[in-house]
Amino acid sequence: MFHRMRPLVFWPPFILLILSLAASMLDLERFLDVTGGLNSAILDNVGWLFSLTSLVMVMTCLIVFLSPLGRTRIGGENALPILSPWRWFSITLCTTVAVGIMFWSTAEPLYHLHNPPASLDITANSLDATRFSLSTMFLHWSFTPYAIYTVPAVMFAIAHYNMGKPFSLGSLFTPILGDRLIGRPGRLLDALALFALVCGMASSLGTGAMTLAGGVDRFLGTGTGPLALGIVTLAIVAVFTASAASGLQRGIAMLSALNARAFFAFMAFIFLFGPTRDILGYGVESSGAYLGQFIEKSLFTGALADDPWPKDWSIFYWANWMAWAPITALFLGRISRGYTVRQFMLINLVAPALFAIAYVSVTSGSILHMDLSSGGSMHALLQESGPGAMVYALLDELPLGGLSAIAFLTIAFLSYVTAADSNTKAISQLCSNDSQAALAGDGNDDNASYRLPLKILWGCTIGAVAWIMTSFVGVDGIKMLSNLGGFPALLIVILATASLLRLVSMGTAGAGMERTPSRTYSQEAHERWQRHQQLNEAVPPDNQ
């Protein structure tokens, strides 16, 4: 393992993570003061840049989709897909914002309903506040976050597969900086992004374990102490490390396909047995507000009235998505081979964003209707029990509440496993020095024995950090630590956006994409992979 590892990528974030964890345990108050102060400074001084960049990235996706670059096939004209469109879509859906939307879609709208921005002169708990709440959910969870993931992902896919650049963040900047950030400078970028992602995964896993432990306690009375949290965390880590070790076809693809179907079934259940008429009415009307005020809401920073609401919500989300985007983009870009850039946009941006709008309309619309019709009882429960209790409160109002709660726990568990699986896979490859091996093969070399220890090591480390923080320290510290990655990630996604726009202006021939692909990904290489799969895999190639 160690002779194939990239030390400058692996050791700095690993050591810094351990030191940060030790500091939080030795003096939590001081740790939270320092990280909280840094977060506030970033949001106060460059919050406007997060908002502006997020909007520009949405516009960039539209420009790329309509440009001649959209016809470029990732991997060259002879490249064949690694995954079918359905499996590709399900992986994208389940490894990005789906984990968060499951829990926040029933809690966040209540915050916006009862505490709208003071500077917008919206009366709390009113019809205007309801419309604002649901349209804001569309803003936070649909096209903008997926655009933040899509821009660097499609740029990396072109650089890696069509230009033959290594599996490194430095490859994102080739159109504007050449190879200046490939090599040692690129390793420093990789290490920085890796630290932000690992902290984000640990905090996400920790909060998820708390919610899952609460659900288990609801049925079995196990409590939510360190032992219960430890068992839940161990189960998640064990499953996602086993899945990561099994390869793309057997692991992430199968888990995410199952998870996506469960998402659709869960949404359909609430739609059919919930307040269906109000869901449709709220969703359609709020969609109009979302589309009509998209630019205004995207650029709302609260600076004129010194309103803290945008920093607490929208800008916070943009920073969070950007902190995850660089390394997630490496994974999403890597599984896109064989499709055109335009197809990439449809499967990685349009389809999951439309699903998010439908899911938010159903779950957020239902909880808003229940709160308005009960005189604010849902908001009172939110203040008393926290956001993790809201989805169970929603299900209690529907038929088969107990069974649906068990189904939700299963879907939530699969969501965390799938998201952790994909990011562990990207982390392990980023830490290894064999990225060029993928350029001569099939892009499905996840079973490499020398990379398996890295997957297990990072999986166990992330699980241990999540358990310690949630059980003995509190997840707030590592959450803020994760958000600090938003600022350097902001610079990365800005340069990635500039690179992609540069490719649009150069055209495919000027970018060199007509030359390398045919040499890098030949039909012969794909046929070798097919023969390998038939001999070694129980699951047939997904593109047949």
Protein backbone atom coordinates (compact mmCIF):
# COMPACT_ATOMS: atom_id res chain seq x y z
CA MET A 1 0.00 0.00 0.00
CA PHE A 2 2.58 2.58 1.12
CA HIS A 3 4.86 2.30 -1.90
CA ARG A 4 1.89 3.17 -4.16
CA MET A 5 0.60 5.97 -1.91
CA ARG A 6 0.94 9.73 -2.55
CA PRO A 7 2.42 10.90 0.79
CA LEU A 8 1.74 14.62 0.23
CA VAL A 9 -1.93 13.85 -0.33
CA PHE A 10 -2.45 11.23 2.38
CA TRP A 11 -0.46 12.35 5.42
CA PRO A 12 -1.28 16.11 5.80
CA PRO A 13 -5.10 15.72 6.00
CA PHE A 14 -4.81 12.51 8.03
CA ILE A 15 -2.50 14.08 10.63
CA LEU A 16 -4.47 17.35 10.70
CA LEU A 17 -7.70 15.46 11.26
CA ILE A 18 -6.26 13.57 14.21
CA LEU A 19 -4.77 16.77 15.71
CA SER A 20 -8.08 18.62 15.31
CA LEU A 21 -9.91 15.78 17.00
CA ALA A 22 -7.42 15.81 19.87
CA ALA A 23 -7.76 19.60 20.24
CA SER A 24 -11.55 19.37 20.39
CA MET A 25 -11.40 16.73 23.10
CA LEU A 26 -8.82 18.62 25.19
CA ASP A 27 -10.55 22.01 25.12
CA LEU A 28 -13.88 21.93 23.30
CA GLU A 29 -14.89 25.48 24.19
CA ARG A 30 -11.67 26.97 22.85
CA PHE A 31 -11.85 24.76 19.76
CA LEU A 32 -15.40 25.91 18.97
CA ASP A 33 -14.44 29.56 19.56
CA VAL A 34 -11.58 29.37 17.07
CA THR A 35 -13.39 27.43 14.36
CA GLY A 36 -16.58 29.46 14.85
CA GLY A 37 -14.63 32.71 14.55
CA LEU A 38 -12.97 31.56 11.33
CA ASN A 39 -16.33 30.51 9.88
CA SER A 40 -17.90 33.85 10.75
CA ALA A 41 -14.99 35.76 9.23
CA ILE A 42 -15.26 33.81 5.98
CA LEU A 43 -19.03 34.21 5.68
CA ASP A 44 -18.92 37.91 6.65
CA ASN A 45 -16.19 38.87 4.19
CA VAL A 46 -16.72 36.64 1.15
CA GLY A 47 -20.35 35.57 1.52
CA TRP A 48 -21.21 37.65 -1.54
CA LEU A 49 -18.66 35.69 -3.57
CA PHE A 50 -20.26 32.37 -2.62
CA SER A 51 -23.64 33.67 -3.83
CA LEU A 52 -22.28 35.13 -7.06
CA THR A 53 -20.24 32.02 -7.87
CA SER A 54 -23.18 29.67 -7.32
CA LEU A 55 -25.30 31.66 -9.77
CA VAL A 56 -22.48 31.81 -12.34
CA MET A 57 -22.11 28.03 -12.12
CA VAL A 58 -25.79 27.52 -12.94
CA MET A 59 -25.42 29.84 -15.93
CA THR A 60 -22.22 28.02 -16.98
CA CYS A 61 -24.10 24.74 -17.11
CA LEU A 62 -26.68 26.29 -19.44
CA ILE A 63 -23.96 27.74 -21.68
CA VAL A 64 -22.10 24.44 -21.90
CA PHE A 65 -25.30 22.50 -22.61
CA LEU A 66 -26.16 24.74 -25.57
CA SER A 67 -22.60 25.04 -26.92
CA PRO A 68 -20.82 22.72 -29.40
CA LEU A 69 -18.86 21.37 -26.43
CA GLY A 70 -22.08 19.63 -25.38
CA ARG A 71 -21.65 17.17 -28.28
CA THR A 72 -18.21 16.01 -27.10
CA ARG A 73 -18.14 12.37 -26.01
CA ILE A 74 -16.23 11.84 -22.78
CA GLY A 75 -13.42 9.39 -23.53
CA GLY A 76 -13.54 9.89 -27.30
CA GLU A 77 -15.88 8.78 -30.06
CA ASN A 78 -15.12 5.07 -29.50
CA ALA A 79 -15.65 5.13 -25.74
CA LEU A 80 -18.46 2.97 -24.38
CA PRO A 81 -20.29 3.68 -21.11
CA ILE A 82 -19.29 2.08 -17.83
CA LEU A 83 -22.85 2.37 -16.50
CA SER A 84 -26.37 2.50 -17.90
CA PRO A 85 -28.22 5.85 -17.67
CA TRP A 86 -30.41 4.59 -14.80
CA ARG A 87 -27.49 3.40 -12.69
CA TRP A 88 -25.54 6.55 -13.44
CA PHE A 89 -28.50 8.68 -12.41
CA SER A 90 -29.08 6.67 -9.23
CA ILE A 91 -25.42 6.98 -8.24
CA THR A 92 -25.51 10.75 -8.80
CA LEU A 93 -28.76 11.09 -6.87
CA CYS A 94 -27.67 8.99 -3.89
CA THR A 95 -24.09 10.21 -3.50
CA THR A 96 -24.68 13.98 -3.46
CA VAL A 97 -27.47 15.91 -1.73
CA ALA A 98 -29.91 13.02 -1.19
CA VAL A 99 -28.56 12.23 2.29
CA GLY A 100 -29.21 15.77 3.53
CA ILE A 101 -32.53 16.27 1.83
CA MET A 102 -34.03 13.24 3.59
CA PHE A 103 -33.71 14.91 6.97
CA TRP A 104 -33.85 18.64 6.23
CA SER A 105 -36.85 18.55 3.88
CA THR A 106 -39.18 18.17 6.88
CA ALA A 107 -37.37 20.54 9.25
CA GLU A 108 -35.90 23.40 7.23
CA PRO A 109 -39.22 24.67 5.78
CA LEU A 110 -40.55 25.16 9.32
CA TYR A 111 -37.59 27.40 10.16
CA HIS A 112 -38.30 29.53 7.09
CA LEU A 113 -42.05 29.60 7.78
CA HIS A 114 -41.67 30.90 11.34
CA ASN A 115 -38.40 32.84 10.96
CA PRO A 116 -38.25 34.40 7.47
CA PRO A 117 -35.62 37.07 6.68
CA ALA A 118 -36.36 40.22 8.61
CA SER A 119 -35.23 42.45 5.74
CA LEU A 120 -37.86 41.05 3.33
CA ASP A 121 -40.81 42.18 5.43
CA ILE A 122 -42.49 38.76 5.37
CA THR A 123 -44.92 38.02 8.20
CA ALA A 124 -44.06 34.79 9.97
CA ASN A 125 -46.53 31.91 9.68
CA SER A 126 -48.37 33.61 6.81
CA LEU A 127 -49.21 32.57 3.25
CA ASP A 128 -46.31 34.69 1.98
CA ALA A 129 -44.01 32.93 4.42
CA THR A 130 -45.30 29.56 3.21
CA ARG A 131 -44.57 30.45 -0.40
CA PHE A 132 -41.16 31.81 0.57
CA SER A 133 -40.35 28.69 2.58
CA LEU A 134 -41.08 26.18 -0.17
CA SER A 135 -39.49 28.23 -2.96
CA THR A 136 -36.37 28.61 -0.80
CA MET A 137 -36.24 24.84 -0.38
CA PHE A 138 -36.21 24.56 -4.18
CA LEU A 139 -33.32 27.02 -4.31
CA HIS A 140 -31.26 25.21 -1.69
CA TRP A 141 -31.77 21.64 -2.88
CA SER A 142 -32.26 21.49 -6.64
CA PHE A 143 -30.46 23.11 -9.59
CA THR A 144 -27.93 25.23 -7.74
CA PRO A 145 -26.28 22.49 -5.62
CA TYR A 146 -26.22 20.09 -8.56
CA ALA A 147 -24.68 22.80 -10.75
CA ILE A 148 -21.96 23.27 -8.12
CA TYR A 149 -21.17 19.56 -8.45
CA THR A 150 -21.62 19.38 -12.22
CA VAL A 151 -19.23 22.13 -13.35
CA PRO A 152 -16.03 20.69 -11.80
CA ALA A 153 -17.19 17.13 -12.53
CA VAL A 154 -17.62 17.66 -16.28
CA MET A 155 -14.38 19.66 -16.42
CA PHE A 156 -12.51 16.83 -14.72
CA ALA A 157 -14.12 14.20 -16.96
CA ILE A 158 -12.89 16.01 -20.08
CA ALA A 159 -9.43 16.66 -18.64
CA HIS A 160 -8.97 13.10 -17.35
CA TYR A 161 -10.47 11.09 -20.18
CA ASN A 162 -10.10 13.31 -23.25
CA MET A 163 -6.87 15.12 -22.42
CA GLY A 164 -5.18 12.26 -20.57
CA LYS A 165 -4.57 14.23 -17.36
CA PRO A 166 -4.03 12.50 -13.99
CA PHE A 167 -6.60 11.83 -11.27
CA SER A 168 -5.88 15.11 -9.48
CA LEU A 169 -7.60 18.43 -8.88
CA GLY A 170 -4.77 20.13 -10.77
CA SER A 171 -6.20 18.61 -13.95
CA LEU A 172 -9.26 20.86 -13.58
CA PHE A 173 -7.24 23.94 -14.51
CA THR A 174 -5.47 22.66 -17.63
CA PRO A 175 -7.36 24.93 -20.11
CA ILE A 176 -6.28 28.12 -18.31
CA LEU A 177 -3.05 27.15 -16.50
CA GLY A 178 -1.70 24.26 -18.54
CA ASP A 179 0.12 21.70 -16.41
CA ARG A 180 1.34 24.19 -13.79
CA LEU A 181 -0.83 22.68 -11.04
CA ILE A 182 -0.17 19.07 -11.98
CA GLY A 183 2.46 17.44 -9.82
CA ARG A 184 3.48 18.75 -6.40
CA PRO A 185 1.19 21.84 -6.42
CA GLY A 186 -1.69 19.59 -7.46
CA ARG A 187 -0.98 17.25 -4.56
CA LEU A 188 -1.34 20.13 -2.12
CA LEU A 189 -4.71 20.97 -3.66
CA ASP A 190 -5.75 17.33 -3.37
CA ALA A 191 -4.69 17.22 0.28
CA LEU A 192 -6.64 20.38 1.12
CA ALA A 193 -9.82 19.15 -0.57
CA LEU A 194 -9.37 15.73 1.00
CA PHE A 195 -9.30 17.20 4.50
CA ALA A 196 -12.52 19.16 3.89
CA LEU A 197 -14.29 16.11 2.49
CA VAL A 198 -13.20 13.75 5.29
CA CYS A 199 -14.39 16.20 7.94
CA GLY A 200 -17.65 16.64 6.08
CA MET A 201 -18.15 12.90 5.82
CA ALA A 202 -17.46 12.46 9.54
CA SER A 203 -19.92 15.18 10.54
CA SER A 204 -22.55 13.87 8.12
CA LEU A 205 -22.06 10.32 9.35
CA GLY A 206 -22.26 11.52 12.96
CA THR A 207 -25.51 13.41 12.52
CA GLY A 208 -26.92 10.53 10.51
CA ALA A 209 -25.98 8.07 13.22
CA MET A 210 -27.77 10.27 15.78
CA THR A 211 -30.94 10.30 13.67
CA LEU A 212 -30.80 6.58 12.97
CA ALA A 213 -30.12 5.81 16.63
CA GLY A 214 -33.16 7.91 17.52
CA GLY A 215 -35.26 5.91 15.08
CA VAL A 216 -34.02 2.59 16.47
CA ASP A 217 -34.69 3.83 20.00
CA ARG A 218 -38.24 4.65 18.91
CA PHE A 219 -38.91 0.95 18.27
CA LEU A 220 -36.50 -0.94 20.54
CA GLY A 221 -35.86 1.47 23.41
CA THR A 222 -32.09 1.22 22.97
CA GLY A 223 -31.41 4.83 23.90
CA THR A 224 -29.15 7.22 22.03
CA GLY A 225 -26.01 7.01 24.16
CA PRO A 226 -22.45 6.15 23.09
CA LEU A 227 -23.17 2.41 22.84
CA ALA A 228 -26.19 2.83 20.55
CA LEU A 229 -24.36 5.44 18.45
CA GLY A 230 -21.34 3.16 18.25
CA ILE A 231 -23.37 0.20 17.01
CA VAL A 232 -25.13 2.29 14.34
CA THR A 233 -21.86 3.89 13.22
CA LEU A 234 -20.11 0.51 13.11
CA ALA A 235 -22.90 -0.94 10.98
CA ILE A 236 -22.67 1.92 8.47
CA VAL A 237 -18.87 1.76 8.30
CA ALA A 238 -18.84 -2.03 7.95
CA VAL A 239 -21.31 -1.99 5.06
CA PHE A 240 -19.78 0.90 3.12
CA THR A 241 -16.21 -0.40 3.48
CA ALA A 242 -17.36 -3.84 2.30
CA SER A 243 -19.17 -2.20 -0.60
CA ALA A 244 -16.15 -0.05 -1.45
CA ALA A 245 -14.00 -3.17 -1.52
CA SER A 246 -16.37 -4.97 -3.89
CA GLY A 247 -15.93 -2.71 -6.93
CA LEU A 248 -18.14 -0.23 -8.77
CA GLN A 249 -20.54 -2.70 -10.37
CA ARG A 250 -21.16 -4.77 -7.23
CA GLY A 251 -20.92 -1.95 -4.71
CA ILE A 252 -22.08 1.57 -5.38
CA ALA A 253 -24.07 0.80 -8.53
CA MET A 254 -26.20 -1.86 -6.87
CA LEU A 255 -26.65 0.04 -3.58
CA SER A 256 -27.59 3.28 -5.30
CA ALA A 257 -30.02 1.58 -7.70
CA LEU A 258 -31.81 0.04 -4.74
CA ASN A 259 -31.64 3.30 -2.81
CA ALA A 260 -33.05 5.36 -5.69
CA ARG A 261 -36.03 3.03 -6.10
CA ALA A 262 -36.66 3.30 -2.35
CA PHE A 263 -36.57 7.11 -2.65
CA PHE A 264 -39.23 7.06 -5.35
CA ALA A 265 -41.40 4.62 -3.40
CA PHE A 266 -41.14 6.67 -0.19
CA MET A 267 -42.05 9.88 -2.05
CA ALA A 268 -44.99 8.18 -3.78
CA PHE A 269 -46.29 6.87 -0.44
CA ILE A 270 -46.35 10.34 1.14
CA PHE A 271 -47.87 11.86 -1.99
CA LEU A 272 -50.71 9.32 -2.16
CA PHE A 273 -51.55 9.17 1.56
CA GLY A 274 -50.64 12.73 2.53
CA PRO A 275 -52.42 16.00 1.70
CA THR A 276 -52.18 15.35 -2.05
CA ARG A 277 -54.22 18.34 -3.22
CA ASP A 278 -52.25 20.77 -1.08
CA ILE A 279 -48.94 19.20 -2.12
CA LEU A 280 -49.76 19.90 -5.76
CA GLY A 281 -51.04 23.40 -5.06
CA TYR A 282 -48.15 24.41 -2.83
CA GLY A 283 -45.61 22.91 -5.22
CA VAL A 284 -46.90 24.58 -8.37
CA GLU A 285 -47.34 28.00 -6.79
CA SER A 286 -43.95 27.93 -5.07
CA SER A 287 -42.27 26.75 -8.28
CA GLY A 288 -43.52 29.94 -9.90
CA ALA A 289 -41.99 32.00 -7.09
CA TYR A 290 -38.74 30.04 -7.37
CA LEU A 291 -38.43 30.59 -11.13
CA GLY A 292 -39.60 34.21 -11.05
CA GLN A 293 -37.25 35.22 -8.24
CA PHE A 294 -34.36 32.86 -8.99
CA ILE A 295 -31.69 35.50 -9.66
CA GLU A 296 -32.87 37.74 -6.82
CA LYS A 297 -32.94 34.87 -4.31
CA SER A 298 -29.59 33.53 -5.52
CA LEU A 299 -27.88 36.89 -4.95
CA PHE A 300 -29.61 37.74 -1.66
CA THR A 301 -26.77 38.38 0.80
CA GLY A 302 -28.56 40.52 3.42
CA ALA A 303 -25.78 43.13 3.23
CA LEU A 304 -28.03 46.18 2.73
CA ALA A 305 -30.05 45.57 5.90
CA ASP A 306 -27.34 43.66 7.80
CA ASP A 307 -29.67 40.65 7.77
CA PRO A 308 -27.95 37.46 9.05
CA TRP A 309 -30.48 35.11 7.44
CA PRO A 310 -28.56 34.48 4.16
CA LYS A 311 -25.35 33.64 6.03
CA ASP A 312 -27.26 31.22 8.24
CA TRP A 313 -28.92 29.49 5.30
CA SER A 314 -28.21 30.15 1.61
CA ILE A 315 -24.57 31.20 1.83
CA PHE A 316 -23.93 28.48 4.39
CA TYR A 317 -25.31 25.93 1.92
CA TRP A 318 -23.23 27.27 -0.97
CA ALA A 319 -20.09 27.00 1.17
CA ASN A 320 -21.03 23.48 2.24
CA TRP A 321 -21.73 22.23 -1.30
CA MET A 322 -18.49 23.78 -2.54
CA ALA A 323 -16.48 22.14 0.23
CA TRP A 324 -17.67 18.74 -0.99
CA ALA A 325 -17.66 19.53 -4.72
CA PRO A 326 -13.97 19.09 -5.72
CA ILE A 327 -13.46 15.47 -4.66
CA THR A 328 -17.05 14.46 -5.37
CA ALA A 329 -16.47 15.84 -8.87
CA LEU A 330 -13.55 13.44 -9.31
CA PHE A 331 -15.84 10.51 -8.61
CA LEU A 332 -18.76 11.75 -10.73
CA GLY A 333 -16.46 12.64 -13.61
CA ARG A 334 -14.78 9.27 -13.52
CA ILE A 335 -18.01 7.27 -13.94
CA SER A 336 -19.21 9.41 -16.89
CA ARG A 337 -17.05 7.87 -19.60
CA GLY A 338 -18.85 7.02 -22.81
CA TYR A 339 -21.51 9.74 -22.61
CA THR A 340 -21.58 13.18 -24.21
CA VAL A 341 -21.21 16.36 -22.15
CA ARG A 342 -24.85 17.16 -22.88
CA GLN A 343 -25.91 13.76 -21.57
CA PHE A 344 -23.73 14.44 -18.51
CA MET A 345 -25.72 17.61 -17.86
CA LEU A 346 -29.04 15.81 -18.22
CA ILE A 347 -28.14 12.91 -15.92
CA ASN A 348 -26.02 14.75 -13.32
CA LEU A 349 -27.93 18.03 -13.16
CA VAL A 350 -31.39 18.14 -14.71
CA ALA A 351 -32.75 14.74 -13.65
CA PRO A 352 -31.66 14.82 -9.97
CA ALA A 353 -32.66 18.49 -9.64
CA LEU A 354 -36.16 17.73 -10.92
CA PHE A 355 -36.38 14.78 -8.53
CA ALA A 356 -35.32 17.08 -5.67
CA ILE A 357 -38.07 19.56 -6.56
CA ALA A 358 -40.64 16.76 -6.58
CA TYR A 359 -39.34 15.31 -3.29
CA VAL A 360 -39.32 18.71 -1.57
CA SER A 361 -42.80 19.48 -2.88
CA VAL A 362 -44.10 16.27 -1.31
CA THR A 363 -42.27 16.21 2.04
CA SER A 364 -41.90 19.94 2.71
CA GLY A 365 -45.36 20.68 1.35
CA SER A 366 -46.85 18.04 3.67
CA ILE A 367 -45.11 19.29 6.81
CA LEU A 368 -46.04 22.91 6.02
CA HIS A 369 -49.69 21.94 5.52
CA MET A 370 -49.73 20.02 8.80
CA ASP A 371 -48.15 22.90 10.70
CA LEU A 372 -50.53 25.52 9.26
CA SER A 373 -53.61 23.38 9.89
CA SER A 374 -52.61 22.52 13.48
CA GLY A 375 -51.75 25.98 14.70
CA GLY A 376 -47.98 25.49 14.66
CA SER A 377 -47.74 22.12 16.41
CA MET A 378 -45.00 20.89 14.08
CA HIS A 379 -42.87 23.94 14.76
CA ALA A 380 -43.34 23.43 18.49
CA LEU A 381 -42.14 19.84 18.13
CA LEU A 382 -39.15 21.05 16.13
CA GLN A 383 -38.13 23.39 18.93
CA GLU A 384 -38.62 20.67 21.52
CA SER A 385 -37.10 17.61 19.83
CA GLY A 386 -34.88 18.95 17.04
CA PRO A 387 -34.87 18.41 13.25
CA GLY A 388 -34.27 14.65 13.45
CA ALA A 389 -37.76 14.09 14.90
CA MET A 390 -39.70 15.84 12.15
CA VAL A 391 -39.78 13.09 9.55
CA TYR A 392 -41.18 10.68 12.14
CA ALA A 393 -43.77 13.26 13.12
CA LEU A 394 -44.81 13.50 9.49
CA LEU A 395 -45.08 9.73 9.15
CA ASP A 396 -47.14 9.50 12.35
CA GLU A 397 -49.84 11.52 10.58
CA LEU A 398 -50.04 9.00 7.72
CA PRO A 399 -51.37 5.42 7.54
CA LEU A 400 -48.96 2.63 8.52
CA GLY A 401 -46.82 5.08 10.48
CA GLY A 402 -44.74 2.36 12.14
CA LEU A 403 -44.00 0.47 8.93
CA SER A 404 -43.22 3.66 7.02
CA ALA A 405 -40.84 4.75 9.79
CA ILE A 406 -39.00 1.42 9.49
CA ALA A 407 -38.85 1.92 5.72
CA PHE A 408 -37.44 5.40 6.24
CA LEU A 409 -34.76 4.06 8.56
CA THR A 410 -33.77 1.52 5.90
CA ILE A 411 -33.62 4.16 3.17
CA ALA A 412 -31.62 6.49 5.43
CA PHE A 413 -29.15 3.72 6.23
CA LEU A 414 -28.70 2.91 2.54
CA SER A 415 -28.25 6.62 1.75
CA TYR A 416 -25.39 7.02 4.20
CA VAL A 417 -23.77 3.80 3.04
CA THR A 418 -24.00 4.82 -0.62
CA ALA A 419 -22.67 8.36 -0.10
CA ALA A 420 -19.82 7.16 2.14
CA ASP A 421 -19.02 4.36 -0.33
CA SER A 422 -18.57 6.68 -3.30
CA ASN A 423 -16.49 9.23 -1.44
CA THR A 424 -14.28 6.56 0.15
CA LYS A 425 -13.62 5.23 -3.33
CA ALA A 426 -12.63 8.68 -4.60
CA ILE A 427 -10.46 9.29 -1.52
CA SER A 428 -8.58 6.02 -1.92
CA GLN A 429 -7.82 6.68 -5.58
CA LEU A 430 -6.78 10.25 -4.86
CA CYS A 431 -4.30 8.98 -2.27
CA SER A 432 -2.76 6.44 -4.66
CA ASN A 433 -0.27 7.21 -7.42
CA ASP A 434 -1.82 5.00 -10.09
CA SER A 435 -4.29 7.42 -11.66
CA GLN A 436 -2.76 6.96 -15.08
CA ALA A 437 -3.54 3.23 -14.93
CA ALA A 438 -7.18 4.04 -15.46
CA LEU A 439 -6.33 5.77 -18.72
CA ALA A 440 -5.16 2.50 -20.22
CA GLY A 441 -8.00 0.35 -18.94
CA ASP A 442 -11.70 0.46 -18.39
CA GLY A 443 -12.16 2.94 -15.59
CA ASN A 444 -13.51 0.22 -13.37
CA ASP A 445 -10.37 -0.84 -11.50
CA ASP A 446 -11.82 -0.38 -8.03
CA ASN A 447 -10.81 -3.85 -6.91
CA ALA A 448 -7.09 -3.03 -6.98
CA SER A 449 -5.67 -4.86 -3.96
CA TYR A 450 -3.20 -2.13 -3.09
CA ARG A 451 -6.01 0.42 -2.76
CA LEU A 452 -8.24 -1.69 -0.53
CA PRO A 453 -6.26 -0.91 2.67
CA LEU A 454 -6.70 2.81 1.96
CA LYS A 455 -10.47 2.38 1.68
CA ILE A 456 -10.59 0.43 4.95
CA LEU A 457 -8.29 2.89 6.74
CA TRP A 458 -10.27 5.96 5.72
CA GLY A 459 -13.59 4.22 6.40
CA CYS A 460 -12.53 3.26 9.93
CA THR A 461 -11.00 6.69 10.60
CA ILE A 462 -14.13 8.53 9.47
CA GLY A 463 -16.31 6.20 11.55
CA ALA A 464 -14.14 6.62 14.65
CA VAL A 465 -14.12 10.42 14.37
CA ALA A 466 -17.89 10.49 13.85
CA TRP A 467 -18.51 8.27 16.89
CA ILE A 468 -16.16 10.18 19.21
CA MET A 469 -17.53 13.56 18.18
CA THR A 470 -21.20 12.60 18.52
CA SER A 471 -20.76 10.59 21.71
CA PHE A 472 -18.30 12.66 23.74
CA VAL A 473 -17.67 16.02 22.10
CA GLY A 474 -20.59 17.09 19.95
CA VAL A 475 -20.84 17.34 16.21
CA ASP A 476 -20.85 21.16 16.03
CA GLY A 477 -17.06 21.40 16.15
CA ILE A 478 -16.38 19.14 13.22
CA LYS A 479 -19.26 20.69 11.28
CA MET A 480 -17.61 24.08 11.51
CA LEU A 481 -14.27 22.49 10.71
CA SER A 482 -15.83 21.06 7.58
CA ASN A 483 -17.26 24.42 6.56
CA LEU A 484 -13.80 25.95 6.65
CA GLY A 485 -13.11 23.90 3.53
CA GLY A 486 -15.68 26.00 1.73
CA PHE A 487 -13.31 28.92 1.22
CA PRO A 488 -10.40 27.09 -0.49
CA ALA A 489 -12.98 25.01 -2.34
CA LEU A 490 -14.56 28.28 -3.53
CA LEU A 491 -11.29 29.19 -5.23
CA ILE A 492 -11.09 25.70 -6.79
CA VAL A 493 -14.61 25.82 -8.25
CA ILE A 494 -14.09 29.38 -9.54
CA LEU A 495 -11.02 28.25 -11.48
CA ALA A 496 -12.83 25.10 -12.63
CA THR A 497 -15.69 27.26 -13.93
CA ALA A 498 -13.22 29.52 -15.75
CA SER A 499 -11.57 26.45 -17.27
CA LEU A 500 -14.85 25.06 -18.56
CA LEU A 501 -15.83 28.41 -20.06
CA ARG A 502 -12.38 28.54 -21.66
CA LEU A 503 -13.07 25.19 -23.32
CA VAL A 504 -16.35 26.54 -24.66
CA SER A 505 -14.54 29.49 -26.21
CA MET A 506 -11.78 27.30 -27.67
CA GLY A 507 -14.04 24.63 -29.17
CA THR A 508 -13.32 20.91 -29.10
CA ALA A 509 -10.47 21.00 -31.60
CA GLY A 510 -8.72 23.87 -29.87
CA ALA A 511 -8.94 22.06 -26.55
CA GLY A 512 -7.17 19.04 -28.00
CA MET A 513 -10.12 16.72 -27.48
CA GLU A 514 -10.06 15.33 -30.99
CA ARG A 515 -6.59 13.85 -30.61
CA THR A 516 -6.02 12.00 -27.31
CA PRO A 517 -9.29 10.06 -26.89
CA SER A 518 -8.94 7.63 -29.77
CA ARG A 519 -5.52 6.67 -28.48
CA THR A 520 -6.52 6.48 -24.82
CA TYR A 521 -9.82 4.59 -25.01
CA SER A 522 -9.93 2.13 -27.86
CA GLN A 523 -12.52 -0.51 -28.66
CA GLU A 524 -9.83 -3.08 -27.96
CA ALA A 525 -9.42 -1.82 -24.37
CA HIS A 526 -13.14 -2.10 -23.79
CA GLU A 527 -13.22 -5.62 -25.17
CA ARG A 528 -10.38 -6.58 -22.79
CA TRP A 529 -12.47 -5.29 -19.92
CA GLN A 530 -15.49 -7.28 -21.08
CA ARG A 531 -13.43 -10.48 -21.14
CA HIS A 532 -12.08 -9.67 -17.66
CA GLN A 533 -15.58 -9.08 -16.32
CA GLN A 534 -16.90 -12.34 -17.75
CA LEU A 535 -14.11 -14.25 -16.04
CA ASN A 536 -14.11 -12.49 -12.68
CA GLU A 537 -17.43 -10.74 -12.07
CA ALA A 538 -20.79 -12.26 -11.22
CA VAL A 539 -22.49 -9.07 -12.44
CA PRO A 540 -22.37 -8.55 -16.23
CA PRO A 541 -21.13 -5.23 -17.70
CA ASP A 542 -23.88 -2.69 -17.17
CA ASN A 543 -23.57 -1.16 -20.64
CA GLN A 544 -24.70 -4.31 -22.45
